[in-house]
Amino acid sequence: MLEADRRPLPRPPPRTVAILAGTAAAAGAAWLIATREPPPQTPPIPRPLTVQEAERRLELRLTSNTDDDTAAVTCASRLRYGTAISCQVRYTLGGVQPIIVRLTRDGSVDWDIPALR
């Protein structure tokens, strides 16, 4: 008797199905956008340094207050990120040291003594 009273459920109109599917897709896309991790932040490329600014920074780093060892630095060109330039350090006692200078990503000046060949 119960089986005779059972009717199939009516099907919703195709437009209603499309609206519900579109709403679910939009909600899923919004959830994905809201929960994704932001891209990693890279620091901006530092501005190039003039020859005078590069020489001044190097002189401050290479001068020692404890030994009274002063140095004058001469560089060939301005300093840009991603390139290395050649500079010379002249000490008060007459010594000359060639160095290779680079501008780091954080804007500081880094230097190395070139290897002897």
N, C-alpha and C. Protein backbone atom coordinates (compact mmCIF):
# COMPACT_ATOMS: atom_id res chain seq x y z
N MET A 1 0.79 -1.18 0.00
CA MET A 1 0.00 0.00 0.00
C MET A 1 0.85 1.27 0.00
N LEU A 2 1.87 1.23 0.71
CA LEU A 2 2.76 2.38 0.72
C LEU A 2 3.46 2.55 -0.61
N GLU A 3 3.74 1.46 -1.27
CA GLU A 3 4.43 1.55 -2.55
C GLU A 3 3.56 2.19 -3.60
N ALA A 4 2.30 2.04 -3.53
CA ALA A 4 1.40 2.61 -4.52
C ALA A 4 1.30 4.12 -4.36
N ASP A 5 1.49 4.66 -3.15
CA ASP A 5 1.38 6.09 -2.90
C ASP A 5 2.68 6.84 -3.22
N ARG A 6 3.72 6.13 -3.48
CA ARG A 6 5.03 6.76 -3.69
C ARG A 6 5.13 7.31 -5.11
N ARG A 7 5.44 8.60 -5.23
CA ARG A 7 5.60 9.22 -6.53
C ARG A 7 7.03 9.71 -6.69
N PRO A 8 7.55 9.75 -7.90
CA PRO A 8 8.90 10.30 -8.08
C PRO A 8 8.90 11.80 -7.83
N LEU A 9 10.02 12.27 -7.33
CA LEU A 9 10.15 13.71 -7.06
C LEU A 9 10.20 14.47 -8.38
N PRO A 10 9.63 15.64 -8.41
CA PRO A 10 9.65 16.41 -9.66
C PRO A 10 11.06 16.93 -9.94
N ARG A 11 11.43 16.98 -11.19
CA ARG A 11 12.75 17.49 -11.58
C ARG A 11 12.69 19.01 -11.63
N PRO A 12 13.77 19.65 -11.15
CA PRO A 12 13.78 21.12 -11.23
C PRO A 12 14.01 21.55 -12.67
N PRO A 13 13.58 22.75 -13.02
CA PRO A 13 13.79 23.24 -14.38
C PRO A 13 15.29 23.39 -14.66
N PRO A 14 15.70 23.22 -15.91
CA PRO A 14 17.13 23.34 -16.25
C PRO A 14 17.72 24.70 -15.88
N ARG A 15 16.94 25.74 -15.97
CA ARG A 15 17.44 27.08 -15.61
C ARG A 15 17.82 27.14 -14.13
N THR A 16 17.03 26.55 -13.27
CA THR A 16 17.33 26.53 -11.83
C THR A 16 18.61 25.75 -11.57
N VAL A 17 18.80 24.63 -12.26
CA VAL A 17 20.01 23.82 -12.10
C VAL A 17 21.23 24.64 -12.54
N ALA A 18 21.10 25.36 -13.66
CA ALA A 18 22.22 26.17 -14.16
C ALA A 18 22.56 27.29 -13.18
N ILE A 19 21.56 27.94 -12.61
CA ILE A 19 21.80 29.03 -11.64
C ILE A 19 22.49 28.49 -10.40
N LEU A 20 22.03 27.34 -9.89
CA LEU A 20 22.65 26.75 -8.70
C LEU A 20 24.10 26.32 -8.98
N ALA A 21 24.35 25.75 -10.16
CA ALA A 21 25.71 25.33 -10.51
C ALA A 21 26.62 26.55 -10.66
N GLY A 22 26.14 27.60 -11.27
CA GLY A 22 26.93 28.83 -11.41
C GLY A 22 27.24 29.47 -10.07
N THR A 23 26.26 29.47 -9.16
CA THR A 23 26.47 30.02 -7.82
C THR A 23 27.51 29.20 -7.06
N ALA A 24 27.42 27.87 -7.16
CA ALA A 24 28.40 27.01 -6.48
C ALA A 24 29.79 27.23 -7.06
N ALA A 25 29.90 27.38 -8.37
CA ALA A 25 31.21 27.61 -9.00
C ALA A 25 31.78 28.96 -8.57
N ALA A 26 30.96 29.99 -8.51
CA ALA A 26 31.42 31.31 -8.09
C ALA A 26 31.86 31.29 -6.63
N ALA A 27 31.12 30.59 -5.78
CA ALA A 27 31.50 30.49 -4.37
C ALA A 27 32.82 29.75 -4.22
N GLY A 28 33.00 28.68 -5.01
CA GLY A 28 34.26 27.93 -4.96
C GLY A 28 35.43 28.77 -5.43
N ALA A 29 35.24 29.53 -6.49
CA ALA A 29 36.32 30.41 -6.99
C ALA A 29 36.65 31.48 -5.97
N ALA A 30 35.64 32.07 -5.35
CA ALA A 30 35.88 33.09 -4.32
C ALA A 30 36.64 32.49 -3.14
N TRP A 31 36.30 31.28 -2.75
CA TRP A 31 37.00 30.63 -1.64
C TRP A 31 38.47 30.38 -2.00
N LEU A 32 38.74 29.92 -3.23
CA LEU A 32 40.12 29.67 -3.66
C LEU A 32 40.94 30.97 -3.66
N ILE A 33 40.35 32.04 -4.14
CA ILE A 33 41.06 33.32 -4.18
C ILE A 33 41.33 33.83 -2.77
N ALA A 34 40.34 33.69 -1.89
CA ALA A 34 40.48 34.21 -0.53
C ALA A 34 41.49 33.42 0.30
N THR A 35 41.67 32.14 0.01
CA THR A 35 42.53 31.32 0.85
C THR A 35 43.92 31.06 0.27
N ARG A 36 44.21 31.58 -0.92
CA ARG A 36 45.54 31.34 -1.50
C ARG A 36 46.59 32.19 -0.80
N GLU A 37 47.83 31.73 -0.87
CA GLU A 37 48.93 32.47 -0.26
C GLU A 37 49.37 33.58 -1.20
N PRO A 38 49.74 34.73 -0.63
CA PRO A 38 50.19 35.81 -1.50
C PRO A 38 51.55 35.47 -2.11
N PRO A 39 51.87 36.03 -3.25
CA PRO A 39 53.19 35.74 -3.84
C PRO A 39 54.29 36.30 -2.96
N PRO A 40 55.47 35.68 -2.98
CA PRO A 40 56.56 36.18 -2.14
C PRO A 40 56.98 37.57 -2.59
N GLN A 41 57.29 38.40 -1.63
CA GLN A 41 57.69 39.77 -1.91
C GLN A 41 59.20 39.83 -2.09
N THR A 42 59.66 40.33 -3.21
CA THR A 42 61.08 40.53 -3.42
C THR A 42 61.38 42.01 -3.25
N PRO A 43 62.49 42.33 -2.62
CA PRO A 43 62.80 43.74 -2.44
C PRO A 43 63.04 44.40 -3.79
N PRO A 44 62.75 45.68 -3.89
CA PRO A 44 62.99 46.36 -5.16
C PRO A 44 64.48 46.44 -5.47
N ILE A 45 64.80 46.56 -6.74
CA ILE A 45 66.20 46.70 -7.15
C ILE A 45 66.70 48.06 -6.67
N PRO A 46 67.85 48.09 -5.98
CA PRO A 46 68.34 49.38 -5.47
C PRO A 46 68.75 50.31 -6.60
N ARG A 47 68.68 51.58 -6.31
CA ARG A 47 69.09 52.58 -7.29
C ARG A 47 70.60 52.54 -7.47
N PRO A 48 71.10 52.89 -8.67
CA PRO A 48 72.55 52.91 -8.88
C PRO A 48 73.21 53.97 -7.99
N LEU A 49 74.46 53.71 -7.62
CA LEU A 49 75.21 54.66 -6.82
C LEU A 49 76.17 55.43 -7.72
N THR A 50 76.31 56.71 -7.46
CA THR A 50 77.29 57.49 -8.20
C THR A 50 78.69 57.02 -7.80
N VAL A 51 79.68 57.42 -8.59
CA VAL A 51 81.07 57.06 -8.28
C VAL A 51 81.45 57.59 -6.91
N GLN A 52 81.08 58.84 -6.62
CA GLN A 52 81.43 59.45 -5.34
C GLN A 52 80.78 58.74 -4.16
N GLU A 53 79.51 58.34 -4.31
CA GLU A 53 78.82 57.65 -3.22
C GLU A 53 79.43 56.27 -2.98
N ALA A 54 79.74 55.54 -4.04
CA ALA A 54 80.38 54.22 -3.89
C ALA A 54 81.74 54.37 -3.21
N GLU A 55 82.53 55.35 -3.64
CA GLU A 55 83.86 55.57 -3.03
C GLU A 55 83.73 55.94 -1.56
N ARG A 56 82.76 56.80 -1.23
CA ARG A 56 82.57 57.22 0.17
C ARG A 56 82.18 56.02 1.05
N ARG A 57 81.25 55.20 0.58
CA ARG A 57 80.84 54.02 1.37
C ARG A 57 82.01 53.06 1.57
N LEU A 58 82.80 52.84 0.52
CA LEU A 58 83.94 51.94 0.65
C LEU A 58 84.99 52.51 1.60
N GLU A 59 85.25 53.79 1.53
CA GLU A 59 86.23 54.41 2.43
C GLU A 59 85.79 54.27 3.88
N LEU A 60 84.49 54.43 4.15
CA LEU A 60 83.99 54.25 5.52
C LEU A 60 84.18 52.82 6.01
N ARG A 61 83.98 51.84 5.13
CA ARG A 61 84.14 50.44 5.52
C ARG A 61 85.59 50.03 5.66
N LEU A 62 86.47 50.62 4.85
CA LEU A 62 87.88 50.20 4.84
C LEU A 62 88.76 50.99 5.79
N THR A 63 88.23 52.01 6.42
CA THR A 63 89.01 52.81 7.36
C THR A 63 88.87 52.22 8.76
N SER A 64 90.00 52.05 9.41
CA SER A 64 90.01 51.49 10.76
C SER A 64 90.42 52.58 11.74
N ASN A 65 89.57 52.84 12.73
CA ASN A 65 89.88 53.86 13.74
C ASN A 65 90.94 53.38 14.71
N THR A 66 91.06 52.09 14.91
CA THR A 66 92.01 51.58 15.90
C THR A 66 93.45 51.60 15.39
N ASP A 67 93.65 51.39 14.10
CA ASP A 67 95.01 51.34 13.54
C ASP A 67 95.44 52.64 12.89
N ASP A 68 94.54 53.63 12.84
CA ASP A 68 94.80 54.86 12.11
C ASP A 68 95.18 54.55 10.67
N ASP A 69 94.52 53.54 10.12
CA ASP A 69 94.78 53.10 8.76
C ASP A 69 93.70 53.71 7.87
N THR A 70 94.05 54.74 7.13
CA THR A 70 93.08 55.39 6.27
C THR A 70 93.31 54.96 4.83
N ALA A 71 92.25 55.03 4.06
CA ALA A 71 92.33 54.59 2.67
C ALA A 71 91.51 55.53 1.80
N ALA A 72 92.02 55.77 0.61
CA ALA A 72 91.28 56.51 -0.41
C ALA A 72 90.90 55.50 -1.49
N VAL A 73 89.65 55.56 -1.91
CA VAL A 73 89.14 54.61 -2.90
C VAL A 73 88.84 55.36 -4.19
N THR A 74 89.25 54.77 -5.30
CA THR A 74 88.97 55.31 -6.62
C THR A 74 88.26 54.23 -7.43
N CYS A 75 87.07 54.57 -7.97
CA CYS A 75 86.30 53.62 -8.77
C CYS A 75 86.20 54.13 -10.21
N ALA A 76 86.05 53.18 -11.12
CA ALA A 76 86.03 53.51 -12.55
C ALA A 76 84.68 54.01 -13.04
N SER A 77 83.58 53.53 -12.47
CA SER A 77 82.25 53.93 -12.96
C SER A 77 81.24 53.82 -11.83
N ARG A 78 80.01 54.27 -12.13
CA ARG A 78 78.98 54.18 -11.09
C ARG A 78 78.61 52.72 -10.87
N LEU A 79 78.02 52.46 -9.73
CA LEU A 79 77.76 51.10 -9.28
C LEU A 79 76.28 50.78 -9.46
N ARG A 80 75.98 49.69 -10.21
CA ARG A 80 74.61 49.24 -10.45
C ARG A 80 74.44 47.83 -9.89
N TYR A 81 73.21 47.52 -9.54
CA TYR A 81 72.91 46.16 -9.09
C TYR A 81 73.07 45.20 -10.27
N GLY A 82 73.70 44.07 -10.02
CA GLY A 82 73.87 43.05 -11.05
C GLY A 82 75.16 43.16 -11.82
N THR A 83 75.96 44.17 -11.56
CA THR A 83 77.25 44.31 -12.24
C THR A 83 78.35 44.50 -11.20
N ALA A 84 79.55 44.19 -11.58
CA ALA A 84 80.71 44.39 -10.71
C ALA A 84 81.63 45.41 -11.38
N ILE A 85 82.21 46.29 -10.56
CA ILE A 85 83.14 47.26 -11.10
C ILE A 85 84.49 47.11 -10.40
N SER A 86 85.51 47.65 -11.02
CA SER A 86 86.86 47.59 -10.48
C SER A 86 87.17 48.92 -9.77
N CYS A 87 87.71 48.81 -8.58
CA CYS A 87 88.13 49.99 -7.82
C CYS A 87 89.54 49.75 -7.30
N GLN A 88 90.20 50.82 -6.86
CA GLN A 88 91.52 50.72 -6.25
C GLN A 88 91.49 51.39 -4.88
N VAL A 89 92.14 50.74 -3.93
CA VAL A 89 92.28 51.29 -2.59
C VAL A 89 93.72 51.75 -2.44
N ARG A 90 93.91 53.03 -2.11
CA ARG A 90 95.25 53.59 -1.89
C ARG A 90 95.38 53.91 -0.40
N TYR A 91 96.35 53.25 0.23
CA TYR A 91 96.59 53.46 1.65
C TYR A 91 97.61 54.57 1.84
N THR A 92 97.60 55.20 3.03
CA THR A 92 98.48 56.34 3.30
C THR A 92 99.95 55.96 3.25
N LEU A 93 100.30 54.72 3.52
CA LEU A 93 101.70 54.30 3.49
C LEU A 93 102.17 53.94 2.08
N GLY A 94 101.31 54.10 1.08
CA GLY A 94 101.72 53.89 -0.30
C GLY A 94 101.23 52.62 -0.94
N GLY A 95 100.58 51.76 -0.23
CA GLY A 95 100.09 50.51 -0.82
C GLY A 95 98.85 50.73 -1.67
N VAL A 96 98.73 49.94 -2.73
CA VAL A 96 97.56 50.00 -3.61
C VAL A 96 96.99 48.59 -3.72
N GLN A 97 95.67 48.48 -3.52
CA GLN A 97 94.99 47.18 -3.59
C GLN A 97 93.81 47.27 -4.55
N PRO A 98 93.82 46.48 -5.63
CA PRO A 98 92.63 46.45 -6.48
C PRO A 98 91.52 45.63 -5.80
N ILE A 99 90.29 46.06 -5.97
CA ILE A 99 89.14 45.34 -5.41
C ILE A 99 88.03 45.29 -6.46
N ILE A 100 87.16 44.31 -6.32
CA ILE A 100 85.96 44.16 -7.14
C ILE A 100 84.77 44.52 -6.26
N VAL A 101 83.92 45.42 -6.75
CA VAL A 101 82.83 45.96 -5.93
C VAL A 101 81.48 45.64 -6.59
N ARG A 102 80.49 45.27 -5.76
CA ARG A 102 79.13 44.97 -6.21
C ARG A 102 78.12 45.67 -5.32
N LEU A 103 76.98 45.97 -5.90
CA LEU A 103 75.84 46.50 -5.13
C LEU A 103 74.91 45.34 -4.85
N THR A 104 74.62 45.08 -3.58
CA THR A 104 73.78 43.95 -3.20
C THR A 104 72.30 44.30 -3.34
N ARG A 105 71.45 43.30 -3.26
CA ARG A 105 70.00 43.49 -3.42
C ARG A 105 69.43 44.42 -2.36
N ASP A 106 70.03 44.42 -1.17
CA ASP A 106 69.51 45.30 -0.11
C ASP A 106 70.10 46.70 -0.17
N GLY A 107 70.94 47.00 -1.18
CA GLY A 107 71.47 48.35 -1.37
C GLY A 107 72.81 48.61 -0.72
N SER A 108 73.41 47.60 -0.10
CA SER A 108 74.72 47.80 0.50
C SER A 108 75.82 47.50 -0.51
N VAL A 109 77.03 47.95 -0.19
CA VAL A 109 78.18 47.77 -1.08
C VAL A 109 79.01 46.60 -0.56
N ASP A 110 79.28 45.64 -1.44
CA ASP A 110 80.08 44.47 -1.09
C ASP A 110 81.34 44.48 -1.95
N TRP A 111 82.44 44.03 -1.40
CA TRP A 111 83.69 44.04 -2.16
C TRP A 111 84.49 42.78 -1.89
N ASP A 112 85.34 42.42 -2.87
CA ASP A 112 86.23 41.26 -2.78
C ASP A 112 87.58 41.66 -3.35
N ILE A 113 88.60 40.98 -2.87
CA ILE A 113 89.93 41.14 -3.44
C ILE A 113 90.06 40.09 -4.55
N PRO A 114 90.39 40.52 -5.79
CA PRO A 114 90.47 39.54 -6.88
C PRO A 114 91.58 38.54 -6.64
N ALA A 115 91.36 37.32 -7.11
CA ALA A 115 92.35 36.25 -6.95
C ALA A 115 93.55 36.50 -7.87
N LEU A 116 94.71 36.13 -7.40
CA LEU A 116 95.91 36.25 -8.21
C LEU A 116 95.93 35.14 -9.24
N ARG A 117 96.41 35.44 -10.41
CA ARG A 117 96.46 34.40 -11.46
C ARG A 117 97.83 33.82 -11.57
